[in-house]
Amino acid sequence: MRPTVPPEVIQRLRDGKRELRRARIAMSLPDKVREVVKLQEFHVKTASRRRPLEPRERVWKLGDR
């Protein structure tokens, strides 16, 4: 049986998700690309611990790196 989550907690989570979405929409395109690259790095690091990576699984190379 799953524990019941109080409605206040659900509302706080929804509010936080809404704020995060607003912040991401307001980001500039270069900031959005940097965020995607960070997520790629995290995925590559995590996936490479579990299995050999495919040739297509690599982090994008950006000019400022």
PDB file of N, CA and C in Angstrom:
ATOM      1  N   MET A   1       0.834  -1.171   0.000  1.00  0.00           N
ATOM      2  CA  MET A   1       0.000   0.000   0.000  1.00  0.00           C
ATOM      3  C   MET A   1       0.890   1.249   0.000  1.00  0.00           C
ATOM      4  N   ARG A   2       0.573   2.193  -0.859  1.00  0.00           N
ATOM      5  CA  ARG A   2       1.359   3.418  -0.957  1.00  0.00           C
ATOM      6  C   ARG A   2       0.887   4.439   0.069  1.00  0.00           C
ATOM      7  N   PRO A   3       1.846   5.177   0.646  1.00  0.00           N
ATOM      8  CA  PRO A   3       1.444   6.211   1.610  1.00  0.00           C
ATOM      9  C   PRO A   3       0.731   7.358   0.888  1.00  0.00           C
ATOM     10  N   THR A   4      -0.188   7.987   1.585  1.00  0.00           N
ATOM     11  CA  THR A   4      -0.935   9.114   1.028  1.00  0.00           C
ATOM     12  C   THR A   4      -0.105  10.383   1.189  1.00  0.00           C
ATOM     13  N   VAL A   5       0.020  11.121   0.104  1.00  0.00           N
ATOM     14  CA  VAL A   5       0.776  12.373   0.140  1.00  0.00           C
ATOM     15  C   VAL A   5      -0.198  13.503   0.451  1.00  0.00           C
ATOM     16  N   PRO A   6       0.125  14.323   1.429  1.00  0.00           N
ATOM     17  CA  PRO A   6      -0.775  15.424   1.790  1.00  0.00           C
ATOM     18  C   PRO A   6      -0.952  16.402   0.620  1.00  0.00           C
ATOM     19  N   PRO A   7      -2.126  16.969   0.481  1.00  0.00           N
ATOM     20  CA  PRO A   7      -2.385  17.908  -0.621  1.00  0.00           C
ATOM     21  C   PRO A   7      -1.445  19.112  -0.634  1.00  0.00           C
ATOM     22  N   GLU A   8      -0.986  19.547   0.557  1.00  0.00           N
ATOM     23  CA  GLU A   8      -0.065  20.690   0.613  1.00  0.00           C
ATOM     24  C   GLU A   8       1.250  20.359  -0.080  1.00  0.00           C
ATOM     25  N   VAL A   9       1.709  19.140   0.100  1.00  0.00           N
ATOM     26  CA  VAL A   9       2.959  18.711  -0.531  1.00  0.00           C
ATOM     27  C   VAL A   9       2.776  18.662  -2.043  1.00  0.00           C
ATOM     28  N   ILE A  10       1.688  18.112  -2.501  1.00  0.00           N
ATOM     29  CA  ILE A  10       1.390  18.055  -3.929  1.00  0.00           C
ATOM     30  C   ILE A  10       1.353  19.459  -4.515  1.00  0.00           C
ATOM     31  N   GLN A  11       0.716  20.387  -3.813  1.00  0.00           N
ATOM     32  CA  GLN A  11       0.618  21.768  -4.311  1.00  0.00           C
ATOM     33  C   GLN A  11       1.989  22.424  -4.378  1.00  0.00           C
ATOM     34  N   ARG A  12       2.825  22.207  -3.367  1.00  0.00           N
ATOM     35  CA  ARG A  12       4.181  22.776  -3.383  1.00  0.00           C
ATOM     36  C   ARG A  12       4.985  22.225  -4.548  1.00  0.00           C
ATOM     37  N   LEU A  13       4.856  20.929  -4.810  1.00  0.00           N
ATOM     38  CA  LEU A  13       5.564  20.321  -5.938  1.00  0.00           C
ATOM     39  C   LEU A  13       5.092  20.906  -7.272  1.00  0.00           C
ATOM     40  N   ARG A  14       3.795  21.086  -7.412  1.00  0.00           N
ATOM     41  CA  ARG A  14       3.255  21.677  -8.643  1.00  0.00           C
ATOM     42  C   ARG A  14       3.719  23.115  -8.825  1.00  0.00           C
ATOM     43  N   ASP A  15       3.724  23.882  -7.731  1.00  0.00           N
ATOM     44  CA  ASP A  15       4.190  25.269  -7.792  1.00  0.00           C
ATOM     45  C   ASP A  15       5.670  25.327  -8.191  1.00  0.00           C
ATOM     46  N   GLY A  16       6.460  24.447  -7.602  1.00  0.00           N
ATOM     47  CA  GLY A  16       7.888  24.405  -7.935  1.00  0.00           C
ATOM     48  C   GLY A  16       8.121  24.036  -9.386  1.00  0.00           C
ATOM     49  N   LYS A  17       7.351  23.096  -9.882  1.00  0.00           N
ATOM     50  CA  LYS A  17       7.466  22.687 -11.285  1.00  0.00           C
ATOM     51  C   LYS A  17       7.096  23.854 -12.207  1.00  0.00           C
ATOM     52  N   ARG A  18       6.063  24.577 -11.842  1.00  0.00           N
ATOM     53  CA  ARG A  18       5.628  25.726 -12.636  1.00  0.00           C
ATOM     54  C   ARG A  18       6.720  26.801 -12.675  1.00  0.00           C
ATOM     55  N   GLU A  19       7.350  27.075 -11.520  1.00  0.00           N
ATOM     56  CA  GLU A  19       8.418  28.071 -11.455  1.00  0.00           C
ATOM     57  C   GLU A  19       9.638  27.636 -12.269  1.00  0.00           C
ATOM     58  N   LEU A  20       9.981  26.365 -12.175  1.00  0.00           N
ATOM     59  CA  LEU A  20      11.114  25.848 -12.943  1.00  0.00           C
ATOM     60  C   LEU A  20      10.846  25.997 -14.436  1.00  0.00           C
ATOM     61  N   ARG A  21       9.646  25.700 -14.856  1.00  0.00           N
ATOM     62  CA  ARG A  21       9.292  25.832 -16.269  1.00  0.00           C
ATOM     63  C   ARG A  21       9.393  27.289 -16.714  1.00  0.00           C
ATOM     64  N   ARG A  22       8.895  28.204 -15.894  1.00  0.00           N
ATOM     65  CA  ARG A  22       8.993  29.638 -16.232  1.00  0.00           C
ATOM     66  C   ARG A  22      10.446  30.073 -16.358  1.00  0.00           C
ATOM     67  N   ALA A  23      11.280  29.611 -15.431  1.00  0.00           N
ATOM     68  CA  ALA A  23      12.702  29.977 -15.474  1.00  0.00           C
ATOM     69  C   ALA A  23      13.359  29.444 -16.734  1.00  0.00           C
ATOM     70  N   ARG A  24      13.032  28.219 -17.117  1.00  0.00           N
ATOM     71  CA  ARG A  24      13.627  27.646 -18.329  1.00  0.00           C
ATOM     72  C   ARG A  24      13.156  28.359 -19.583  1.00  0.00           C
ATOM     73  N   ILE A  25      11.896  28.766 -19.612  1.00  0.00           N
ATOM     74  CA  ILE A  25      11.378  29.501 -20.767  1.00  0.00           C
ATOM     75  C   ILE A  25      12.101  30.837 -20.899  1.00  0.00           C
ATOM     76  N   ALA A  26      12.417  31.466 -19.767  1.00  0.00           N
ATOM     77  CA  ALA A  26      13.066  32.779 -19.780  1.00  0.00           C
ATOM     78  C   ALA A  26      14.561  32.705 -20.115  1.00  0.00           C
ATOM     79  N   MET A  27      15.153  31.512 -20.089  1.00  0.00           N
ATOM     80  CA  MET A  27      16.583  31.379 -20.366  1.00  0.00           C
ATOM     81  C   MET A  27      16.896  31.748 -21.808  1.00  0.00           C
ATOM     82  N   SER A  28      18.104  32.254 -22.022  1.00  0.00           N
ATOM     83  CA  SER A  28      18.554  32.537 -23.385  1.00  0.00           C
ATOM     84  C   SER A  28      18.901  31.213 -24.079  1.00  0.00           C
ATOM     85  N   LEU A  29      18.958  31.239 -25.389  1.00  0.00           N
ATOM     86  CA  LEU A  29      19.268  30.021 -26.141  1.00  0.00           C
ATOM     87  C   LEU A  29      20.639  29.450 -25.768  1.00  0.00           C
ATOM     88  N   PRO A  30      21.698  30.278 -25.670  1.00  0.00           N
ATOM     89  CA  PRO A  30      22.989  29.710 -25.253  1.00  0.00           C
ATOM     90  C   PRO A  30      22.925  29.036 -23.876  1.00  0.00           C
ATOM     91  N   ASP A  31      22.157  29.604 -22.952  1.00  0.00           N
ATOM     92  CA  ASP A  31      22.014  28.983 -21.635  1.00  0.00           C
ATOM     93  C   ASP A  31      21.273  27.651 -21.730  1.00  0.00           C
ATOM     94  N   LYS A  32      20.273  27.602 -22.589  1.00  0.00           N
ATOM     95  CA  LYS A  32      19.530  26.349 -22.779  1.00  0.00           C
ATOM     96  C   LYS A  32      20.440  25.267 -23.354  1.00  0.00           C
ATOM     97  N   VAL A  33      21.285  25.640 -24.310  1.00  0.00           N
ATOM     98  CA  VAL A  33      22.212  24.663 -24.908  1.00  0.00           C
ATOM     99  C   VAL A  33      23.203  24.179 -23.859  1.00  0.00           C
ATOM    100  N   ARG A  34      23.725  25.107 -23.036  1.00  0.00           N
ATOM    101  CA  ARG A  34      24.646  24.703 -21.967  1.00  0.00           C
ATOM    102  C   ARG A  34      23.973  23.722 -21.005  1.00  0.00           C
ATOM    103  N   GLU A  35      22.710  23.949 -20.715  1.00  0.00           N
ATOM    104  CA  GLU A  35      21.970  23.040 -19.827  1.00  0.00           C
ATOM    105  C   GLU A  35      21.838  21.646 -20.464  1.00  0.00           C
ATOM    106  N   VAL A  36      21.557  21.602 -21.753  1.00  0.00           N
ATOM    107  CA  VAL A  36      21.454  20.317 -22.452  1.00  0.00           C
ATOM    108  C   VAL A  36      22.790  19.585 -22.407  1.00  0.00           C
ATOM    109  N   VAL A  37      23.880  20.309 -22.620  1.00  0.00           N
ATOM    110  CA  VAL A  37      25.203  19.685 -22.595  1.00  0.00           C
ATOM    111  C   VAL A  37      25.503  19.140 -21.198  1.00  0.00           C
ATOM    112  N   LYS A  38      25.133  19.864 -20.151  1.00  0.00           N
ATOM    113  CA  LYS A  38      25.326  19.357 -18.783  1.00  0.00           C
ATOM    114  C   LYS A  38      24.570  18.052 -18.577  1.00  0.00           C
ATOM    115  N   LEU A  39      23.333  18.012 -19.083  1.00  0.00           N
ATOM    116  CA  LEU A  39      22.535  16.786 -18.959  1.00  0.00           C
ATOM    117  C   LEU A  39      23.143  15.650 -19.772  1.00  0.00           C
ATOM    118  N   GLN A  40      23.710  15.967 -20.941  1.00  0.00           N
ATOM    119  CA  GLN A  40      24.397  14.946 -21.740  1.00  0.00           C
ATOM    120  C   GLN A  40      25.586  14.386 -20.968  1.00  0.00           C
ATOM    121  N   GLU A  41      26.361  15.273 -20.360  1.00  0.00           N
ATOM    122  CA  GLU A  41      27.532  14.825 -19.591  1.00  0.00           C
ATOM    123  C   GLU A  41      27.102  13.885 -18.470  1.00  0.00           C
ATOM    124  N   PHE A  42      26.034  14.247 -17.794  1.00  0.00           N
ATOM    125  CA  PHE A  42      25.526  13.398 -16.715  1.00  0.00           C
ATOM    126  C   PHE A  42      25.106  12.030 -17.258  1.00  0.00           C
ATOM    127  N   HIS A  43      24.389  12.026 -18.384  1.00  0.00           N
ATOM    128  CA  HIS A  43      23.938  10.762 -18.977  1.00  0.00           C
ATOM    129  C   HIS A  43      25.122   9.906 -19.390  1.00  0.00           C
ATOM    130  N   VAL A  44      26.099  10.512 -20.051  1.00  0.00           N
ATOM    131  CA  VAL A  44      27.263   9.747 -20.522  1.00  0.00           C
ATOM    132  C   VAL A  44      28.004   9.150 -19.334  1.00  0.00           C
ATOM    133  N   LYS A  45      28.189   9.934 -18.284  1.00  0.00           N
ATOM    134  CA  LYS A  45      28.892   9.443 -17.097  1.00  0.00           C
ATOM    135  C   LYS A  45      28.128   8.279 -16.467  1.00  0.00           C
ATOM    136  N   THR A  46      26.834   8.425 -16.334  1.00  0.00           N
ATOM    137  CA  THR A  46      26.011   7.385 -15.715  1.00  0.00           C
ATOM    138  C   THR A  46      25.930   6.141 -16.590  1.00  0.00           C
ATOM    139  N   ALA A  47      25.648   6.334 -17.870  1.00  0.00           N
ATOM    140  CA  ALA A  47      25.485   5.193 -18.776  1.00  0.00           C
ATOM    141  C   ALA A  47      26.790   4.429 -18.947  1.00  0.00           C
ATOM    142  N   SER A  48      27.920   5.152 -18.975  1.00  0.00           N
ATOM    143  CA  SER A  48      29.205   4.478 -19.206  1.00  0.00           C
ATOM    144  C   SER A  48      29.593   3.581 -18.036  1.00  0.00           C
ATOM    145  N   ARG A  49      29.029   3.813 -16.874  1.00  0.00           N
ATOM    146  CA  ARG A  49      29.290   2.928 -15.726  1.00  0.00           C
ATOM    147  C   ARG A  49      28.553   1.602 -15.865  1.00  0.00           C
ATOM    148  N   ARG A  50      27.459   1.615 -16.617  1.00  0.00           N
ATOM    149  CA  ARG A  50      26.601   0.433 -16.724  1.00  0.00           C
ATOM    150  C   ARG A  50      26.885  -0.421 -17.952  1.00  0.00           C
ATOM    151  N   ARG A  51      27.344   0.252 -19.040  1.00  0.00           N
ATOM    152  CA  ARG A  51      27.523  -0.485 -20.297  1.00  0.00           C
ATOM    153  C   ARG A  51      28.451   0.304 -21.215  1.00  0.00           C
ATOM    154  N   PRO A  52      28.981  -0.370 -22.243  1.00  0.00           N
ATOM    155  CA  PRO A  52      29.781   0.369 -23.228  1.00  0.00           C
ATOM    156  C   PRO A  52      28.879   1.351 -23.991  1.00  0.00           C
ATOM    157  N   LEU A  53      29.399   2.529 -24.263  1.00  0.00           N
ATOM    158  CA  LEU A  53      28.601   3.537 -24.957  1.00  0.00           C
ATOM    159  C   LEU A  53      28.596   3.287 -26.458  1.00  0.00           C
ATOM    160  N   GLU A  54      27.505   3.664 -27.082  1.00  0.00           N
ATOM    161  CA  GLU A  54      27.391   3.611 -28.537  1.00  0.00           C
ATOM    162  C   GLU A  54      28.184   4.786 -29.118  1.00  0.00           C
ATOM    163  N   PRO A  55      28.648   4.672 -30.373  1.00  0.00           N
ATOM    164  CA  PRO A  55      29.389   5.783 -30.980  1.00  0.00           C
ATOM    165  C   PRO A  55      28.590   7.097 -31.006  1.00  0.00           C
ATOM    166  N   ARG A  56      27.271   6.998 -31.110  1.00  0.00           N
ATOM    167  CA  ARG A  56      26.443   8.212 -31.176  1.00  0.00           C
ATOM    168  C   ARG A  56      26.257   8.870 -29.813  1.00  0.00           C
ATOM    169  N   GLU A  57      26.609   8.185 -28.746  1.00  0.00           N
ATOM    170  CA  GLU A  57      26.423   8.715 -27.401  1.00  0.00           C
ATOM    171  C   GLU A  57      27.668   9.490 -26.973  1.00  0.00           C
ATOM    172  N   ARG A  58      27.710  10.721 -27.343  1.00  0.00           N
ATOM    173  CA  ARG A  58      28.825  11.562 -26.956  1.00  0.00           C
ATOM    174  C   ARG A  58      28.311  12.959 -26.646  1.00  0.00           C
ATOM    175  N   VAL A  59      29.073  13.682 -25.865  1.00  0.00           N
ATOM    176  CA  VAL A  59      28.692  15.043 -25.473  1.00  0.00           C
ATOM    177  C   VAL A  59      29.017  15.986 -26.624  1.00  0.00           C
ATOM    178  N   TRP A  60      28.125  16.919 -26.893  1.00  0.00           N
ATOM    179  CA  TRP A  60      28.375  17.914 -27.937  1.00  0.00           C
ATOM    180  C   TRP A  60      29.592  18.749 -27.569  1.00  0.00           C
ATOM    181  N   LYS A  61      30.403  19.044 -28.567  1.00  0.00           N
ATOM    182  CA  LYS A  61      31.537  19.920 -28.354  1.00  0.00           C
ATOM    183  C   LYS A  61      31.115  21.345 -28.693  1.00  0.00           C
ATOM    184  N   LEU A  62      31.263  22.241 -27.730  1.00  0.00           N
ATOM    185  CA  LEU A  62      30.900  23.640 -27.937  1.00  0.00           C
ATOM    186  C   LEU A  62      32.165  24.476 -28.065  1.00  0.00           C
ATOM    187  N   GLY A  63      32.030  25.645 -28.670  1.00  0.00           N
ATOM    188  CA  GLY A  63      33.173  26.520 -28.873  1.00  0.00           C
ATOM    189  C   GLY A  63      33.815  27.010 -27.592  1.00  0.00           C
ATOM    190  N   ASP A  64      33.040  27.154 -26.525  1.00  0.00           N
ATOM    191  CA  ASP A  64      33.592  27.685 -25.274  1.00  0.00           C
ATOM    192  C   ASP A  64      34.117  26.616 -24.340  1.00  0.00           C
ATOM    193  N   ARG A  65      34.282  25.401 -24.803  1.00  0.00           N
ATOM    194  CA  ARG A  65      34.783  24.303 -23.961  1.00  0.00           C
ATOM    195  C   ARG A  65      36.151  23.892 -24.401  1.00  0.00           C
TER     196      ARG A  65
END
